[in-house]
Amino acid sequence: MEGRNAGIATFFSYSEHMAVPEKLQSIVDLFAGAPRDMKLQALLDYSRRLPPLPPEFADHPELLERVHECQSPFFLATDVDPDGIVTIVFDAPAETPTTRGYAGILAEGLAGATADEVLAVPDDFYQGMGLDDVVSPLRLRGMGAIVARLKRQVAARTNT
């Protein structure tokens, strides 16, 4: 019986990973296995790696949608090309390294993802990262809101 339950647990674990694109899952796994101080350092690293706002958005901030659930000003925009590949643009102030770090994680983890892959990402995928050790519950709610808003935009652009 124990062997049977172990197989079921493996199946559920595997299924959960199936909903997260491989690049994003690698980041989740990196954070999950890291000690607390390394998680903070990794968030800072991802905040520095967030691509700058493209000029077409810098010149037209109205093209970005604000995520009001975030404590800090946070904006995003998405596009889906004819092949279904999603492009994501994030704007968060440099003074908000936690929020920028999360945006950097999403930017890198979802780079090259299809609309279907983005839409399949669980809104709370970040819980597997163990960020509750280093980020307040309010910021975690903001992270979930970013994913939900991102998925809503992708769904609207693909009529899903």
N, C-alpha and C. Protein backbone atom coordinates (compact mmCIF):
# COMPACT_ATOMS: atom_id res chain seq x y z
N MET A 1 0.83 -1.20 0.00
CA MET A 1 0.00 0.00 0.00
C MET A 1 0.86 1.24 0.00
N GLU A 2 1.96 1.24 0.78
CA GLU A 2 2.83 2.41 0.80
C GLU A 2 3.40 2.69 -0.57
N GLY A 3 3.81 1.65 -1.28
CA GLY A 3 4.34 1.83 -2.62
C GLY A 3 3.32 2.45 -3.55
N ARG A 4 2.09 2.04 -3.39
CA ARG A 4 1.02 2.59 -4.22
C ARG A 4 0.81 4.08 -3.94
N ASN A 5 0.80 4.48 -2.67
CA ASN A 5 0.65 5.88 -2.30
C ASN A 5 1.84 6.71 -2.77
N ALA A 6 3.03 6.14 -2.69
CA ALA A 6 4.21 6.86 -3.16
C ALA A 6 4.08 7.15 -4.64
N GLY A 7 3.56 6.19 -5.41
CA GLY A 7 3.37 6.40 -6.84
C GLY A 7 2.38 7.52 -7.11
N ILE A 8 1.34 7.58 -6.30
CA ILE A 8 0.34 8.64 -6.46
C ILE A 8 0.97 9.99 -6.15
N ALA A 9 1.76 10.07 -5.08
CA ALA A 9 2.42 11.33 -4.72
C ALA A 9 3.35 11.77 -5.85
N THR A 10 4.08 10.82 -6.45
CA THR A 10 4.98 11.16 -7.56
C THR A 10 4.16 11.68 -8.74
N PHE A 11 3.03 11.04 -9.02
CA PHE A 11 2.19 11.47 -10.12
C PHE A 11 1.73 12.92 -9.93
N PHE A 12 1.25 13.25 -8.71
CA PHE A 12 0.77 14.61 -8.47
C PHE A 12 1.91 15.61 -8.56
N SER A 13 3.06 15.27 -8.03
CA SER A 13 4.21 16.16 -8.11
C SER A 13 4.58 16.40 -9.58
N TYR A 14 4.61 15.35 -10.36
CA TYR A 14 4.95 15.46 -11.78
C TYR A 14 3.91 16.30 -12.50
N SER A 15 2.64 16.08 -12.20
CA SER A 15 1.57 16.83 -12.86
C SER A 15 1.68 18.32 -12.58
N GLU A 16 2.01 18.65 -11.32
CA GLU A 16 2.13 20.07 -10.98
C GLU A 16 3.24 20.71 -11.80
N HIS A 17 4.35 20.00 -11.99
CA HIS A 17 5.46 20.53 -12.78
C HIS A 17 5.08 20.69 -14.24
N MET A 18 4.17 19.88 -14.72
CA MET A 18 3.77 19.95 -16.12
C MET A 18 3.11 21.28 -16.45
N ALA A 19 2.48 21.93 -15.49
CA ALA A 19 1.77 23.18 -15.74
C ALA A 19 2.72 24.38 -15.78
N VAL A 20 3.96 24.19 -15.37
CA VAL A 20 4.92 25.29 -15.32
C VAL A 20 5.98 25.06 -16.38
N PRO A 21 6.19 26.04 -17.28
CA PRO A 21 7.23 25.86 -18.30
C PRO A 21 8.58 25.52 -17.68
N GLU A 22 9.36 24.75 -18.40
CA GLU A 22 10.62 24.21 -17.87
C GLU A 22 11.54 25.29 -17.31
N LYS A 23 11.69 26.41 -18.03
CA LYS A 23 12.58 27.48 -17.53
C LYS A 23 12.08 28.03 -16.20
N LEU A 24 10.78 28.24 -16.09
CA LEU A 24 10.21 28.77 -14.86
C LEU A 24 10.32 27.73 -13.74
N GLN A 25 10.10 26.47 -14.06
CA GLN A 25 10.21 25.43 -13.05
C GLN A 25 11.64 25.33 -12.52
N SER A 26 12.63 25.55 -13.38
CA SER A 26 14.03 25.54 -12.94
C SER A 26 14.29 26.63 -11.91
N ILE A 27 13.69 27.79 -12.13
CA ILE A 27 13.84 28.90 -11.18
C ILE A 27 13.14 28.56 -9.87
N VAL A 28 11.94 27.99 -9.96
CA VAL A 28 11.20 27.59 -8.75
C VAL A 28 12.05 26.61 -7.95
N ASP A 29 12.62 25.62 -8.63
CA ASP A 29 13.43 24.61 -7.95
C ASP A 29 14.68 25.23 -7.32
N LEU A 30 15.29 26.17 -8.01
CA LEU A 30 16.48 26.86 -7.48
C LEU A 30 16.15 27.54 -6.15
N PHE A 31 15.05 28.30 -6.14
CA PHE A 31 14.64 28.99 -4.92
C PHE A 31 14.25 28.00 -3.82
N ALA A 32 13.52 26.95 -4.21
CA ALA A 32 13.03 25.99 -3.22
C ALA A 32 14.18 25.35 -2.45
N GLY A 33 15.29 25.11 -3.11
CA GLY A 33 16.41 24.45 -2.47
C GLY A 33 17.41 25.39 -1.82
N ALA A 34 17.18 26.68 -1.93
CA ALA A 34 18.14 27.66 -1.42
C ALA A 34 17.85 28.04 0.03
N PRO A 35 18.91 28.33 0.80
CA PRO A 35 18.69 28.86 2.15
C PRO A 35 18.11 30.27 2.07
N ARG A 36 17.53 30.73 3.16
CA ARG A 36 16.84 32.03 3.23
C ARG A 36 17.68 33.18 2.67
N ASP A 37 18.93 33.33 3.12
CA ASP A 37 19.75 34.46 2.66
C ASP A 37 20.05 34.38 1.18
N MET A 38 20.13 33.18 0.64
CA MET A 38 20.37 33.03 -0.80
C MET A 38 19.12 33.40 -1.60
N LYS A 39 17.94 33.15 -1.02
CA LYS A 39 16.69 33.53 -1.70
C LYS A 39 16.64 35.04 -1.86
N LEU A 40 16.99 35.76 -0.80
CA LEU A 40 17.00 37.23 -0.89
C LEU A 40 18.00 37.70 -1.94
N GLN A 41 19.18 37.10 -1.95
CA GLN A 41 20.20 37.49 -2.92
C GLN A 41 19.74 37.17 -4.34
N ALA A 42 19.09 36.03 -4.52
CA ALA A 42 18.60 35.66 -5.84
C ALA A 42 17.51 36.62 -6.31
N LEU A 43 16.61 37.03 -5.40
CA LEU A 43 15.58 38.01 -5.77
C LEU A 43 16.23 39.32 -6.24
N LEU A 44 17.25 39.76 -5.52
CA LEU A 44 17.97 40.98 -5.92
C LEU A 44 18.61 40.80 -7.28
N ASP A 45 19.19 39.63 -7.52
CA ASP A 45 19.81 39.35 -8.80
C ASP A 45 18.78 39.42 -9.93
N TYR A 46 17.63 38.80 -9.73
CA TYR A 46 16.58 38.85 -10.75
C TYR A 46 16.05 40.27 -10.94
N SER A 47 16.06 41.08 -9.89
CA SER A 47 15.59 42.47 -10.03
C SER A 47 16.53 43.24 -10.96
N ARG A 48 17.82 42.93 -10.90
CA ARG A 48 18.80 43.61 -11.76
C ARG A 48 18.72 43.11 -13.20
N ARG A 49 18.22 41.90 -13.38
CA ARG A 49 18.15 41.30 -14.72
C ARG A 49 16.86 41.62 -15.46
N LEU A 50 15.93 42.30 -14.81
CA LEU A 50 14.69 42.67 -15.48
C LEU A 50 15.02 43.57 -16.67
N PRO A 51 14.60 43.18 -17.86
CA PRO A 51 14.90 44.01 -19.04
C PRO A 51 14.31 45.42 -18.90
N PRO A 52 15.02 46.41 -19.45
CA PRO A 52 14.47 47.77 -19.39
C PRO A 52 13.18 47.88 -20.21
N LEU A 53 12.41 48.86 -19.86
CA LEU A 53 11.15 49.12 -20.57
C LEU A 53 11.46 49.52 -22.01
N PRO A 54 10.89 48.84 -23.00
CA PRO A 54 11.13 49.23 -24.40
C PRO A 54 10.65 50.66 -24.65
N PRO A 55 11.31 51.37 -25.55
CA PRO A 55 10.97 52.79 -25.80
C PRO A 55 9.50 53.01 -26.14
N GLU A 56 8.88 52.09 -26.89
CA GLU A 56 7.48 52.30 -27.27
C GLU A 56 6.56 52.34 -26.05
N PHE A 57 6.98 51.69 -24.96
CA PHE A 57 6.19 51.73 -23.73
C PHE A 57 6.62 52.90 -22.84
N ALA A 58 7.90 53.22 -22.86
CA ALA A 58 8.39 54.36 -22.08
C ALA A 58 7.75 55.65 -22.59
N ASP A 59 7.58 55.73 -23.91
CA ASP A 59 6.96 56.91 -24.52
C ASP A 59 5.44 56.90 -24.42
N HIS A 60 4.85 55.73 -24.15
CA HIS A 60 3.39 55.59 -24.07
C HIS A 60 3.02 54.71 -22.88
N PRO A 61 3.19 55.22 -21.66
CA PRO A 61 2.89 54.40 -20.47
C PRO A 61 1.42 53.96 -20.39
N GLU A 62 0.54 54.61 -21.12
CA GLU A 62 -0.87 54.21 -21.11
C GLU A 62 -1.08 52.83 -21.74
N LEU A 63 -0.07 52.31 -22.43
CA LEU A 63 -0.16 50.98 -23.01
C LEU A 63 0.05 49.88 -21.97
N LEU A 64 0.51 50.28 -20.80
CA LEU A 64 0.76 49.34 -19.71
C LEU A 64 -0.43 49.32 -18.76
N GLU A 65 -0.72 48.17 -18.22
CA GLU A 65 -1.82 48.03 -17.25
C GLU A 65 -1.24 47.95 -15.85
N ARG A 66 -1.79 48.74 -14.94
CA ARG A 66 -1.32 48.71 -13.56
C ARG A 66 -1.90 47.51 -12.82
N VAL A 67 -1.07 46.90 -11.99
CA VAL A 67 -1.52 45.82 -11.12
C VAL A 67 -1.72 46.48 -9.75
N HIS A 68 -2.96 46.84 -9.46
CA HIS A 68 -3.28 47.61 -8.26
C HIS A 68 -3.06 46.84 -6.96
N GLU A 69 -3.07 45.52 -7.04
CA GLU A 69 -2.89 44.71 -5.83
C GLU A 69 -1.46 44.78 -5.29
N CYS A 70 -0.52 45.23 -6.12
CA CYS A 70 0.87 45.35 -5.68
C CYS A 70 1.03 46.58 -4.79
N GLN A 71 1.86 46.44 -3.74
CA GLN A 71 2.13 47.56 -2.85
C GLN A 71 2.84 48.69 -3.59
N SER A 72 3.71 48.34 -4.51
CA SER A 72 4.49 49.31 -5.27
C SER A 72 3.84 49.51 -6.63
N PRO A 73 4.10 50.64 -7.27
CA PRO A 73 3.58 50.81 -8.63
C PRO A 73 4.17 49.71 -9.53
N PHE A 74 3.30 48.95 -10.15
CA PHE A 74 3.73 47.85 -11.00
C PHE A 74 2.83 47.81 -12.22
N PHE A 75 3.45 47.72 -13.40
CA PHE A 75 2.71 47.75 -14.65
C PHE A 75 3.18 46.61 -15.55
N LEU A 76 2.28 46.15 -16.40
CA LEU A 76 2.66 45.11 -17.35
C LEU A 76 1.86 45.24 -18.64
N ALA A 77 2.41 44.63 -19.67
CA ALA A 77 1.73 44.52 -20.96
C ALA A 77 2.17 43.21 -21.59
N THR A 78 1.29 42.63 -22.37
CA THR A 78 1.61 41.39 -23.07
C THR A 78 1.27 41.53 -24.54
N ASP A 79 1.88 40.68 -25.32
CA ASP A 79 1.54 40.56 -26.74
C ASP A 79 1.68 39.09 -27.09
N VAL A 80 0.90 38.64 -28.03
CA VAL A 80 0.98 37.26 -28.51
C VAL A 80 1.15 37.33 -30.02
N ASP A 81 2.25 36.77 -30.51
CA ASP A 81 2.50 36.83 -31.95
C ASP A 81 1.68 35.76 -32.67
N PRO A 82 1.67 35.77 -34.00
CA PRO A 82 0.86 34.81 -34.76
C PRO A 82 1.20 33.34 -34.47
N ASP A 83 2.41 33.07 -34.01
CA ASP A 83 2.80 31.69 -33.67
C ASP A 83 2.41 31.33 -32.24
N GLY A 84 1.78 32.25 -31.51
CA GLY A 84 1.33 31.99 -30.15
C GLY A 84 2.38 32.26 -29.09
N ILE A 85 3.52 32.85 -29.46
CA ILE A 85 4.57 33.16 -28.50
C ILE A 85 4.23 34.47 -27.79
N VAL A 86 4.35 34.44 -26.47
CA VAL A 86 3.98 35.59 -25.64
C VAL A 86 5.21 36.46 -25.37
N THR A 87 5.02 37.76 -25.50
CA THR A 87 6.02 38.74 -25.09
C THR A 87 5.43 39.49 -23.90
N ILE A 88 6.25 39.63 -22.86
CA ILE A 88 5.78 40.29 -21.64
C ILE A 88 6.69 41.48 -21.35
N VAL A 89 6.08 42.60 -21.00
CA VAL A 89 6.81 43.80 -20.61
C VAL A 89 6.38 44.15 -19.20
N PHE A 90 7.37 44.39 -18.33
CA PHE A 90 7.10 44.78 -16.96
C PHE A 90 7.74 46.12 -16.68
N ASP A 91 7.09 46.90 -15.82
CA ASP A 91 7.66 48.16 -15.35
C ASP A 91 7.45 48.25 -13.85
N ALA A 92 8.57 48.29 -13.13
CA ALA A 92 8.54 48.43 -11.67
C ALA A 92 9.71 49.30 -11.27
N PRO A 93 9.52 50.20 -10.30
CA PRO A 93 10.60 51.10 -9.91
C PRO A 93 11.82 50.35 -9.37
N ALA A 94 12.99 50.91 -9.61
CA ALA A 94 14.24 50.32 -9.12
C ALA A 94 14.25 50.23 -7.59
N GLU A 95 13.48 51.10 -6.93
CA GLU A 95 13.43 51.12 -5.46
C GLU A 95 12.61 49.98 -4.89
N THR A 96 12.08 49.11 -5.73
CA THR A 96 11.25 47.99 -5.27
C THR A 96 11.88 46.66 -5.72
N PRO A 97 13.02 46.31 -5.11
CA PRO A 97 13.74 45.13 -5.60
C PRO A 97 12.97 43.81 -5.48
N THR A 98 12.12 43.68 -4.49
CA THR A 98 11.35 42.44 -4.36
C THR A 98 10.40 42.29 -5.54
N THR A 99 9.66 43.34 -5.83
CA THR A 99 8.70 43.31 -6.93
C THR A 99 9.43 43.17 -8.26
N ARG A 100 10.50 43.92 -8.43
CA ARG A 100 11.29 43.81 -9.66
C ARG A 100 11.89 42.41 -9.79
N GLY A 101 12.31 41.83 -8.66
CA GLY A 101 12.86 40.49 -8.69
C GLY A 101 11.84 39.48 -9.17
N TYR A 102 10.62 39.61 -8.69
CA TYR A 102 9.57 38.70 -9.12
C TYR A 102 9.29 38.89 -10.60
N ALA A 103 9.26 40.14 -11.06
CA ALA A 103 9.07 40.40 -12.49
C ALA A 103 10.21 39.81 -13.30
N GLY A 104 11.43 39.91 -12.78
CA GLY A 104 12.58 39.33 -13.47
C GLY A 104 12.47 37.81 -13.57
N ILE A 105 11.97 37.18 -12.52
CA ILE A 105 11.75 35.73 -12.54
C ILE A 105 10.75 35.37 -13.63
N LEU A 106 9.63 36.09 -13.68
CA LEU A 106 8.62 35.82 -14.70
C LEU A 106 9.15 36.11 -16.09
N ALA A 107 9.87 37.22 -16.26
CA ALA A 107 10.41 37.57 -17.58
C ALA A 107 11.34 36.47 -18.09
N GLU A 108 12.21 35.99 -17.23
CA GLU A 108 13.15 34.94 -17.65
C GLU A 108 12.46 33.59 -17.77
N GLY A 109 11.64 33.26 -16.80
CA GLY A 109 11.01 31.95 -16.78
C GLY A 109 9.96 31.74 -17.86
N LEU A 110 9.37 32.83 -18.34
CA LEU A 110 8.34 32.72 -19.38
C LEU A 110 8.82 33.19 -20.74
N ALA A 111 10.09 33.54 -20.86
CA ALA A 111 10.64 33.98 -22.15
C ALA A 111 10.48 32.86 -23.18
N GLY A 112 9.84 33.17 -24.28
CA GLY A 112 9.64 32.19 -25.34
C GLY A 112 8.47 31.26 -25.13
N ALA A 113 7.72 31.44 -24.04
CA ALA A 113 6.58 30.57 -23.75
C ALA A 113 5.42 30.86 -24.70
N THR A 114 4.63 29.84 -24.94
CA THR A 114 3.44 30.01 -25.76
C THR A 114 2.29 30.51 -24.88
N ALA A 115 1.25 30.98 -25.53
CA ALA A 115 0.07 31.43 -24.79
C ALA A 115 -0.50 30.30 -23.95
N ASP A 116 -0.56 29.09 -24.51
CA ASP A 116 -1.09 27.95 -23.74
C ASP A 116 -0.25 27.67 -22.51
N GLU A 117 1.08 27.77 -22.64
CA GLU A 117 1.96 27.53 -21.49
C GLU A 117 1.74 28.59 -20.41
N VAL A 118 1.63 29.84 -20.82
CA VAL A 118 1.41 30.92 -19.86
C VAL A 118 0.07 30.74 -19.16
N LEU A 119 -0.96 30.41 -19.92
CA LEU A 119 -2.29 30.25 -19.34
C LEU A 119 -2.36 29.06 -18.38
N ALA A 120 -1.49 28.08 -18.55
CA ALA A 120 -1.49 26.90 -17.69
C ALA A 120 -0.74 27.10 -16.37
N VAL A 121 0.02 28.19 -16.24
CA VAL A 121 0.79 28.43 -15.02
C VAL A 121 -0.18 28.72 -13.87
N PRO A 122 -0.08 27.98 -12.78
CA PRO A 122 -0.95 28.25 -11.63
C PRO A 122 -0.65 29.65 -11.07
N ASP A 123 -1.68 30.37 -10.69
CA ASP A 123 -1.50 31.72 -10.15
C ASP A 123 -0.58 31.72 -8.93
N ASP A 124 -0.56 30.63 -8.19
CA ASP A 124 0.24 30.56 -6.97
C ASP A 124 1.48 29.68 -7.14
N PHE A 125 1.99 29.55 -8.36
CA PHE A 125 3.14 28.69 -8.61
C PHE A 125 4.32 29.05 -7.71
N TYR A 126 4.43 30.31 -7.34
CA TYR A 126 5.56 30.81 -6.56
C TYR A 126 5.61 30.21 -5.15
N GLN A 127 4.51 29.64 -4.69
CA GLN A 127 4.50 29.06 -3.34
C GLN A 127 5.52 27.94 -3.21
N GLY A 128 5.81 27.27 -4.30
CA GLY A 128 6.82 26.22 -4.29
C GLY A 128 8.24 26.75 -4.15
N MET A 129 8.41 28.07 -4.23
CA MET A 129 9.74 28.68 -4.15
C MET A 129 10.18 28.89 -2.70
N GLY A 130 9.24 28.82 -1.77
CA GLY A 130 9.57 29.07 -0.37
C GLY A 130 9.82 30.54 -0.09
N LEU A 131 9.19 31.42 -0.84
CA LEU A 131 9.40 32.86 -0.65
C LEU A 131 8.72 33.39 0.60
N ASP A 132 7.81 32.61 1.19
CA ASP A 132 7.15 33.08 2.41
C ASP A 132 8.16 33.26 3.54
N ASP A 133 9.37 32.72 3.38
CA ASP A 133 10.45 32.93 4.35
C ASP A 133 11.02 34.34 4.28
N VAL A 134 10.91 34.97 3.09
CA VAL A 134 11.61 36.24 2.87
C VAL A 134 10.72 37.38 2.39
N VAL A 135 9.46 37.07 2.06
CA VAL A 135 8.56 38.07 1.50
C VAL A 135 7.28 38.09 2.32
N SER A 136 6.75 39.28 2.56
CA SER A 136 5.53 39.41 3.37
C SER A 136 4.33 38.81 2.64
N PRO A 137 3.31 38.40 3.39
CA PRO A 137 2.09 37.87 2.76
C PRO A 137 1.44 38.87 1.79
N LEU A 138 1.53 40.15 2.10
CA LEU A 138 0.96 41.15 1.20
C LEU A 138 1.68 41.17 -0.14
N ARG A 139 3.00 41.07 -0.11
CA ARG A 139 3.77 41.02 -1.36
C ARG A 139 3.48 39.73 -2.12
N LEU A 140 3.31 38.63 -1.39
CA LEU A 140 2.98 37.36 -2.05
C LEU A 140 1.64 37.46 -2.77
N ARG A 141 0.67 38.13 -2.16
CA ARG A 141 -0.63 38.33 -2.83
C ARG A 141 -0.44 39.15 -4.10
N GLY A 142 0.44 40.14 -4.04
CA GLY A 142 0.74 40.93 -5.23
C GLY A 142 1.33 40.08 -6.34
N MET A 143 2.18 39.13 -5.96
CA MET A 143 2.78 38.24 -6.94
C MET A 143 1.71 37.41 -7.65
N GLY A 144 0.77 36.90 -6.87
CA GLY A 144 -0.33 36.15 -7.46
C GLY A 144 -1.16 37.01 -8.38
N ALA A 145 -1.36 38.27 -8.01
CA ALA A 145 -2.14 39.19 -8.84
C ALA A 145 -1.42 39.48 -10.16
N ILE A 146 -0.09 39.55 -10.13
CA ILE A 146 0.67 39.78 -11.36
C ILE A 146 0.44 38.63 -12.33
N VAL A 147 0.54 37.40 -11.82
CA VAL A 147 0.33 36.24 -12.68
C VAL A 147 -1.10 36.22 -13.22
N ALA A 148 -2.07 36.49 -12.37
CA ALA A 148 -3.47 36.50 -12.80
C ALA A 148 -3.71 37.56 -13.87
N ARG A 149 -3.16 38.75 -13.69
CA ARG A 149 -3.34 39.83 -14.67
C ARG A 149 -2.66 39.47 -15.99
N LEU A 150 -1.48 38.91 -15.89
CA LEU A 150 -0.73 38.49 -17.07
C LEU A 150 -1.55 37.47 -17.86
N LYS A 151 -2.10 36.48 -17.18
CA LYS A 151 -2.89 35.45 -17.83
C LYS A 151 -4.18 36.03 -18.42
N ARG A 152 -4.77 36.99 -17.72
CA ARG A 152 -6.00 37.61 -18.24
C ARG A 152 -5.72 38.32 -19.56
N GLN A 153 -4.58 39.05 -19.61
CA GLN A 153 -4.23 39.73 -20.85
C GLN A 153 -3.97 38.74 -21.99
N VAL A 154 -3.24 37.67 -21.69
CA VAL A 154 -2.95 36.67 -22.72
C VAL A 154 -4.25 36.03 -23.21
N ALA A 155 -5.15 35.70 -22.30
CA ALA A 155 -6.43 35.11 -22.68
C ALA A 155 -7.22 36.07 -23.57
N ALA A 156 -7.21 37.34 -23.26
CA ALA A 156 -7.93 38.34 -24.06
C ALA A 156 -7.33 38.44 -25.47
N ARG A 157 -6.01 38.32 -25.56
CA ARG A 157 -5.35 38.44 -26.87
C ARG A 157 -5.48 37.19 -27.72
N THR A 158 -5.84 36.08 -27.09
CA THR A 158 -6.01 34.83 -27.83
C THR A 158 -7.46 34.39 -27.89
N ASN A 159 -8.35 35.22 -27.35
CA ASN A 159 -9.79 34.91 -27.29
C ASN A 159 -10.04 33.57 -26.61
N THR A 160 -9.27 33.33 -25.55
CA THR A 160 -9.43 32.07 -24.80
C THR A 160 -10.36 32.28 -23.63
